[in-house]
């Protein structure tokens, strides 16, 4: 955390980012109430009274529950915990701290948003894009922490896709070796994208690498093949959340195309660095994703303010 940040407001990272940039998601339109139909008085009848039958009791039927997906198979790739510590990322086995608690709040809102989306394609409903306006604002840091946090959910898996094709960092940060990935699956129709997913030693976390670097990556992402792969990745695991780490929106065009595959956009803004002009320009490029949240990175805490982790006996 940036201890020199002047931002001292309480509230979650999402709330403080919205306050700092004057950002408020577009409100849902209020339902339109139809005008009541005119009431007509019936013609007079004989005084005999006919008792109406009592309505049958309404019994709510429980929603059908999906069967849990079968256990994943294939080699397990261990994540380097030492590298997690070096990168100041959430350590799955470590005591609860401030960072883990902040990302718990962020992921809970994102998961609730995914469940609340009505009339949205299921693949998009379970796909989240993490981006920023410029490099160095912490989007990969936030994408990794979100993935690590979501992986702790008992009924949810997360597939972290390294979509920062010009500068992929996910595998190196986790201590994993380079491997074929999304670009290879799009370019070669014979490849099954699920066969390129790397299963990690965290049961709820899998990784899809960026793949080889090609000059026409934006055109590949805009293809029908890419949309089909996104749908297949969602269908392969019914409890899977797909999390894309995108390039900075103002620096690389793939971010604009990836926004069309996602139901939610998490725009990372860096305290004391991201300008409002850059933020607004980036959001204009990513309008294909309708549901947007701002995530404040690098914010400090004022003395005496809420400090997650201390409640559990840590961070004293």
Protein backbone atom coordinates (compact mmCIF):
# COMPACT_ATOMS: atom_id res chain seq x y z
CA UNK A 1 0.00 0.00 0.00
CA UNK A 2 1.15 3.57 -0.68
CA UNK A 3 1.64 5.11 2.73
CA UNK A 4 2.07 8.62 1.27
CA UNK A 5 -1.25 8.80 -0.52
CA UNK A 6 -3.38 11.81 0.50
CA UNK A 7 -6.55 9.78 0.04
CA UNK A 8 -7.77 9.13 3.58
CA UNK A 9 -11.46 8.35 3.11
CA UNK A 10 -12.99 5.28 4.64
CA UNK A 11 -14.80 2.72 2.56
CA UNK A 12 -13.73 -0.09 0.30
CA UNK A 13 -11.32 0.33 -2.61
CA UNK A 14 -14.30 0.33 -4.99
CA UNK A 15 -16.12 3.02 -3.02
CA UNK A 16 -13.07 5.25 -2.65
CA UNK A 17 -12.22 5.02 -6.35
CA UNK A 18 -15.77 6.03 -7.29
CA UNK A 19 -15.60 8.96 -4.85
CA UNK A 20 -12.18 10.11 -6.05
CA UNK A 21 -13.13 10.18 -9.74
CA UNK A 22 -16.77 11.15 -9.34
CA UNK A 23 -17.75 7.88 -10.97
CA UNK A 24 -21.16 6.30 -10.52
CA UNK A 25 -22.29 3.26 -12.53
CA UNK A 26 -25.36 3.82 -14.68
CA UNK A 27 -28.45 3.17 -12.64
CA UNK A 28 -30.84 0.45 -13.68
CA UNK A 29 -33.94 1.96 -15.34
CA UNK A 30 -37.02 1.92 -13.16
CA UNK A 31 -39.70 -0.51 -14.30
CA UNK A 32 -42.50 1.12 -16.27
CA UNK A 33 -45.86 0.50 -14.71
CA UNK A 34 -48.69 -0.10 -17.12
CA UNK A 35 -51.81 2.02 -16.74
CA UNK A 36 -54.61 0.13 -14.98
CA UNK A 37 -57.29 -1.21 -17.24
CA UNK A 38 -60.69 0.54 -16.99
CA UNK A 39 -63.15 -1.06 -14.62
CA UNK A 40 -66.62 -1.80 -15.98
CA UNK A 41 -69.59 -2.36 -13.70
CA UNK A 42 -71.46 -5.56 -14.56
CA UNK A 43 -75.15 -5.47 -15.36
CA UNK A 44 -77.46 -6.13 -12.38
CA UNK A 45 -78.17 -9.80 -11.82
CA UNK A 46 -80.32 -11.84 -9.51
CA UNK A 47 -79.34 -11.73 -5.86
CA UNK A 48 -78.21 -15.36 -5.80
CA UNK A 49 -74.59 -15.65 -4.64
CA UNK A 50 -72.18 -18.17 -6.11
CA UNK A 51 -69.16 -18.88 -3.94
CA UNK A 52 -65.87 -18.79 -5.87
CA UNK A 53 -63.64 -21.80 -5.40
CA UNK A 54 -60.66 -21.26 -3.10
CA UNK A 55 -57.42 -20.85 -5.02
CA UNK A 56 -54.99 -23.71 -4.80
CA UNK A 57 -51.99 -22.99 -2.60
CA UNK A 58 -48.90 -21.88 -4.48
CA UNK A 59 -45.94 -24.12 -3.83
CA UNK A 60 -42.58 -22.66 -4.80
CA UNK A 61 -40.47 -25.09 -6.76
CA UNK A 62 -36.80 -25.06 -5.88
CA UNK A 63 -34.49 -24.00 -8.69
CA UNK A 64 -32.73 -26.96 -10.27
CA UNK A 65 -29.19 -27.33 -8.98
CA UNK A 66 -26.38 -28.02 -11.36
CA UNK A 67 -24.27 -31.04 -10.75
CA UNK A 68 -20.74 -30.04 -9.73
CA UNK A 69 -18.20 -30.36 -12.55
CA UNK A 70 -15.95 -33.41 -12.44
CA UNK A 71 -12.50 -33.04 -10.88
CA UNK A 72 -9.88 -31.62 -13.21
CA UNK A 73 -7.20 -33.92 -14.52
CA UNK A 74 -3.74 -33.38 -15.91
CA UNK A 75 -0.43 -32.28 -14.41
CA UNK A 76 -0.42 -29.91 -11.45
CA UNK A 77 1.78 -26.82 -11.72
CA UNK A 78 2.89 -25.56 -8.28
CA UNK A 79 2.77 -21.83 -7.67
CA UNK A 80 5.95 -20.36 -6.20
CA UNK A 81 4.91 -18.95 -2.80
CA UNK A 82 8.21 -17.10 -2.46
CA UNK A 83 7.41 -15.15 -5.62
CA UNK A 84 3.98 -14.32 -4.24
CA UNK A 85 5.64 -12.79 -1.18
CA UNK A 86 8.15 -10.90 -3.29
CA UNK A 87 5.36 -9.43 -5.40
CA UNK A 88 3.34 -8.52 -2.26
CA UNK A 89 0.47 -10.70 -3.46
CA UNK A 90 -2.04 -12.61 -1.35
CA UNK A 91 -0.54 -15.81 0.06
CA UNK A 92 -3.26 -18.48 0.19
CA UNK A 93 -1.92 -20.21 3.31
CA UNK A 94 -0.88 -17.02 5.16
CA UNK A 95 -2.87 -15.39 7.98
CA UNK A 96 -5.64 -13.02 6.96
CA UNK A 97 -4.35 -9.50 6.38
CA UNK A 98 -5.50 -6.14 5.08
CA UNK A 99 -4.86 -6.93 1.42
CA UNK A 100 -6.75 -10.23 1.53
CA UNK A 101 -9.73 -8.56 3.21
CA UNK A 102 -9.88 -5.71 0.69
CA UNK A 103 -9.94 -8.15 -2.22
CA UNK A 104 -12.57 -10.23 -0.45
CA UNK A 105 -14.87 -7.21 -0.63
CA UNK A 106 -14.01 -6.58 -4.28
CA UNK A 107 -14.57 -10.19 -5.38
CA UNK A 108 -17.84 -10.44 -3.44
CA UNK A 109 -19.29 -7.49 -5.35
CA UNK A 110 -18.10 -8.92 -8.68
CA UNK A 111 -19.59 -12.35 -7.95
CA UNK A 112 -22.89 -10.76 -6.92
CA UNK A 113 -22.91 -8.72 -10.12
CA UNK A 114 -22.35 -11.86 -12.19
CA UNK A 115 -25.30 -13.61 -10.56
CA UNK A 116 -27.56 -10.57 -10.97
CA UNK A 117 -27.07 -10.14 -14.72
CA UNK A 118 -30.30 -10.83 -16.55
CA UNK A 119 -30.56 -11.42 -20.26
CA UNK A 120 -26.79 -11.67 -20.67
CA UNK A 121 -25.03 -14.48 -22.48
CA UNK A 122 -23.76 -16.94 -19.85
CA UNK A 123 -20.18 -16.85 -21.11
CA UNK A 124 -20.10 -13.05 -20.76
CA UNK A 125 -21.92 -13.24 -17.45
CA UNK A 126 -19.02 -15.21 -15.96
CA UNK A 127 -16.22 -13.24 -17.66
CA UNK A 128 -14.47 -10.28 -16.02
CA UNK A 129 -11.92 -8.00 -17.68
CA UNK A 130 -9.27 -6.25 -15.58
CA UNK A 131 -7.64 -3.28 -17.28
CA UNK A 132 -6.11 0.15 -16.68
CA UNK A 133 -5.56 3.30 -18.69
CA UNK A 134 -1.75 3.33 -18.62
CA UNK A 135 1.06 0.92 -17.68
CA UNK A 136 2.28 0.86 -14.09
CA UNK A 137 -1.14 1.32 -12.51
CA UNK A 138 -1.31 -2.20 -11.07
CA UNK A 139 -3.80 -4.06 -13.25
CA UNK A 140 -1.83 -7.35 -13.25
CA UNK A 141 -1.30 -7.03 -9.49
CA UNK A 142 -5.06 -6.62 -9.02
CA UNK A 143 -5.95 -9.40 -11.50
CA UNK A 144 -3.65 -11.85 -9.70
CA UNK A 145 -5.01 -10.92 -6.28
CA UNK A 146 -8.60 -11.24 -7.50
CA UNK A 147 -7.84 -14.67 -8.95
CA UNK A 148 -6.12 -15.80 -5.74
CA UNK A 149 -9.07 -14.53 -3.70
CA UNK A 150 -11.76 -16.11 -5.89
CA UNK A 151 -9.89 -19.43 -5.84
CA UNK A 152 -10.73 -19.69 -2.14
CA UNK A 153 -14.47 -19.87 -2.86
CA UNK A 154 -15.75 -23.40 -2.11
CA UNK A 155 -18.23 -23.49 -5.02
CA UNK A 156 -16.35 -21.42 -7.60
CA UNK A 157 -13.29 -21.91 -9.78
CA UNK A 158 -11.37 -19.13 -11.52
CA UNK A 159 -9.51 -19.26 -14.81
CA UNK A 160 -6.99 -16.41 -15.06
CA UNK A 161 -6.26 -15.64 -18.71
CA UNK A 162 -3.11 -13.65 -19.45
CA UNK A 163 -4.52 -11.29 -22.06
CA UNK A 164 -1.70 -8.75 -21.89
CA UNK A 165 -0.23 -10.10 -25.12
CA UNK A 166 2.46 -7.42 -25.65
CA UNK A 167 3.75 -7.83 -22.07
CA UNK A 168 2.57 -11.09 -20.43
CA UNK A 169 3.54 -11.24 -16.75
CA UNK A 170 1.23 -13.79 -15.11
CA UNK A 171 3.32 -16.94 -15.59
CA UNK A 172 6.58 -15.32 -14.49
CA UNK A 173 4.97 -13.78 -11.41
CA UNK A 174 3.60 -17.16 -10.32
CA UNK A 175 6.86 -18.97 -11.09
CA UNK A 176 5.40 -20.99 -13.98
CA UNK A 177 7.21 -21.86 -17.19
CA UNK A 178 6.20 -20.38 -20.54
CA UNK A 179 3.60 -22.44 -22.40
CA UNK A 180 1.22 -22.21 -25.39
CA UNK A 181 -1.96 -20.32 -24.70
CA UNK A 182 -4.88 -18.29 -26.00
CA UNK A 183 -3.24 -16.95 -29.16
CA UNK A 184 -2.16 -20.46 -30.18
CA UNK A 185 -5.70 -21.79 -29.66
CA UNK A 186 -7.21 -19.03 -31.80
CA UNK A 187 -4.64 -19.38 -34.57
CA UNK A 188 -4.88 -23.17 -34.79
CA UNK A 189 -8.45 -24.58 -35.02
CA UNK A 190 -7.09 -28.06 -34.31
CA UNK A 191 -6.14 -27.06 -30.76
CA UNK A 192 -8.59 -27.61 -27.91
CA UNK A 193 -8.31 -24.49 -25.68
CA UNK A 194 -9.05 -26.54 -22.58
CA UNK A 195 -5.93 -28.63 -23.24
CA UNK A 196 -3.82 -25.47 -22.83
CA UNK A 197 -5.23 -24.57 -19.40
CA UNK A 198 -2.63 -25.01 -16.64
CA UNK A 199 -3.97 -26.56 -13.47
CA UNK A 200 -2.23 -25.20 -10.36
CA UNK A 201 -1.75 -26.59 -6.86
CA UNK A 202 -4.49 -24.21 -5.66
CA UNK A 203 -7.60 -26.33 -6.33
CA UNK A 204 -9.73 -23.41 -7.50
CA UNK A 205 -7.16 -21.67 -9.72
CA UNK A 206 -6.17 -22.41 -13.32
CA UNK A 207 -4.14 -20.33 -15.77
CA UNK A 208 -4.43 -19.87 -19.54
CA UNK A 209 -1.20 -18.29 -20.84
CA UNK A 210 -1.15 -15.58 -23.47
CA UNK A 211 0.66 -17.81 -25.96
CA UNK A 212 3.04 -16.83 -28.71
CA UNK A 213 3.40 -13.22 -29.83
CA UNK A 214 2.00 -12.44 -33.28
CA UNK A 215 1.56 -9.08 -35.07
CA UNK A 216 -2.17 -9.57 -35.77
CA UNK A 217 -3.33 -10.43 -32.25
CA UNK A 218 -6.12 -7.81 -32.28
CA UNK A 219 -7.58 -9.27 -35.49
CA UNK A 220 -7.38 -12.78 -34.04
CA UNK A 221 -9.25 -11.67 -30.92
CA UNK A 222 -11.98 -10.11 -33.07
CA UNK A 223 -12.58 -13.37 -34.94
CA UNK A 224 -15.49 -15.75 -34.57
CA UNK A 225 -12.99 -18.38 -33.43
CA UNK A 226 -12.06 -16.22 -30.40
CA UNK A 227 -15.71 -15.80 -29.39
CA UNK A 228 -16.23 -19.53 -29.74
CA UNK A 229 -13.22 -20.22 -27.51
CA UNK A 230 -14.52 -17.82 -24.85
CA UNK A 231 -17.86 -19.66 -24.86
CA UNK A 232 -16.19 -23.07 -24.71
CA UNK A 233 -14.00 -22.05 -21.78
CA UNK A 234 -17.12 -20.99 -19.87
CA UNK A 235 -19.08 -24.12 -20.80
CA UNK A 236 -16.26 -26.48 -19.85
CA UNK A 237 -16.70 -25.77 -16.12
CA UNK A 238 -20.16 -24.64 -14.99
CA UNK A 239 -18.78 -22.97 -11.85
CA UNK A 240 -15.90 -21.20 -13.59
CA UNK A 241 -15.26 -17.45 -13.48
CA UNK A 242 -13.01 -16.28 -16.33
CA UNK A 243 -10.71 -13.39 -15.42
CA UNK A 244 -8.81 -11.60 -18.21
CA UNK A 245 -5.70 -9.56 -17.46
CA UNK A 246 -5.89 -7.01 -20.28
CA UNK A 247 -3.29 -4.65 -21.73
CA UNK A 248 -3.58 -0.96 -20.75
CA UNK A 249 -6.45 0.44 -22.78
CA UNK A 250 -4.58 3.54 -23.99
CA UNK A 251 -1.49 1.58 -25.00
CA UNK A 252 -2.67 -1.54 -26.84
CA UNK A 253 -5.74 -2.22 -28.99
CA UNK A 254 -6.48 -5.79 -27.76
CA UNK A 255 -8.14 -4.33 -24.67
CA UNK A 256 -10.91 -2.86 -26.82
CA UNK A 257 -11.70 -6.25 -28.35
CA UNK A 258 -11.49 -8.15 -25.05
CA UNK A 259 -14.10 -5.79 -23.58
CA UNK A 260 -16.63 -7.31 -25.97
CA UNK A 261 -16.09 -10.75 -24.45
CA UNK A 262 -16.66 -9.68 -20.84
CA UNK A 263 -19.76 -8.93 -18.84
CA UNK A 264 -17.86 -6.83 -16.29
CA UNK A 265 -14.92 -4.45 -16.48
CA UNK A 266 -12.71 -3.70 -13.48
CA UNK A 267 -10.79 -0.51 -14.29
CA UNK A 268 -7.76 -0.17 -12.02
CA UNK A 269 -6.88 3.42 -11.13
CA UNK A 270 -3.68 4.29 -9.29
CA UNK A 271 -3.91 6.77 -6.43
CA UNK A 272 -1.88 9.92 -7.18
CA UNK A 273 -1.12 8.74 -10.72
CA UNK A 274 -4.15 8.01 -12.91
CA UNK A 275 -5.56 11.22 -14.34
CA UNK A 276 -9.28 11.73 -14.83
CA UNK A 277 -8.65 12.49 -18.52
CA UNK A 278 -6.85 9.18 -19.06
CA UNK A 279 -9.56 7.33 -17.17
CA UNK A 280 -12.38 8.78 -19.23
CA UNK A 281 -10.55 8.16 -22.52
CA UNK A 282 -9.89 4.55 -21.53
CA UNK A 283 -13.51 3.96 -20.54
CA UNK A 284 -14.67 5.34 -23.90
CA UNK A 285 -12.55 2.69 -25.63
CA UNK A 286 -14.04 -0.10 -23.51
CA UNK A 287 -17.72 0.72 -23.92
CA UNK A 288 -18.41 -2.79 -25.26
CA UNK A 289 -18.47 -3.83 -21.59
CA UNK A 290 -21.52 -2.24 -19.99
CA UNK A 291 -20.95 -2.98 -16.28
CA UNK A 292 -17.93 -1.06 -14.98
CA UNK A 293 -16.29 -0.86 -11.55
CA UNK A 294 -13.34 1.31 -10.55
CA UNK A 295 -10.71 -0.30 -8.31
CA UNK A 296 -8.38 2.02 -6.41
CA UNK A 297 -4.79 0.78 -6.17
CA UNK A 298 -1.95 2.23 -4.08
CA UNK A 299 -4.19 3.96 -1.53
CA UNK A 300 -2.89 4.63 1.98
CA UNK A 301 -4.70 4.31 5.30
CA UNK A 302 -5.04 7.15 7.78
CA UNK A 303 -4.14 6.56 11.40
CA UNK A 304 -7.15 5.28 13.27
CA UNK A 305 -9.08 4.41 10.11
CA UNK A 306 -10.39 0.97 9.23
CA UNK A 307 -7.52 -1.44 8.87
CA UNK A 308 -8.45 -4.92 7.75
CA UNK A 309 -6.53 -7.76 9.33
CA UNK A 310 -6.15 -6.22 12.80
CA UNK A 311 -9.55 -7.63 13.77
CA UNK A 312 -8.15 -11.13 13.25
CA UNK A 313 -5.12 -10.35 15.41
CA UNK A 314 -2.79 -9.63 12.48
CA UNK A 315 -1.21 -6.43 11.23
CA UNK A 316 -0.80 -4.94 14.71
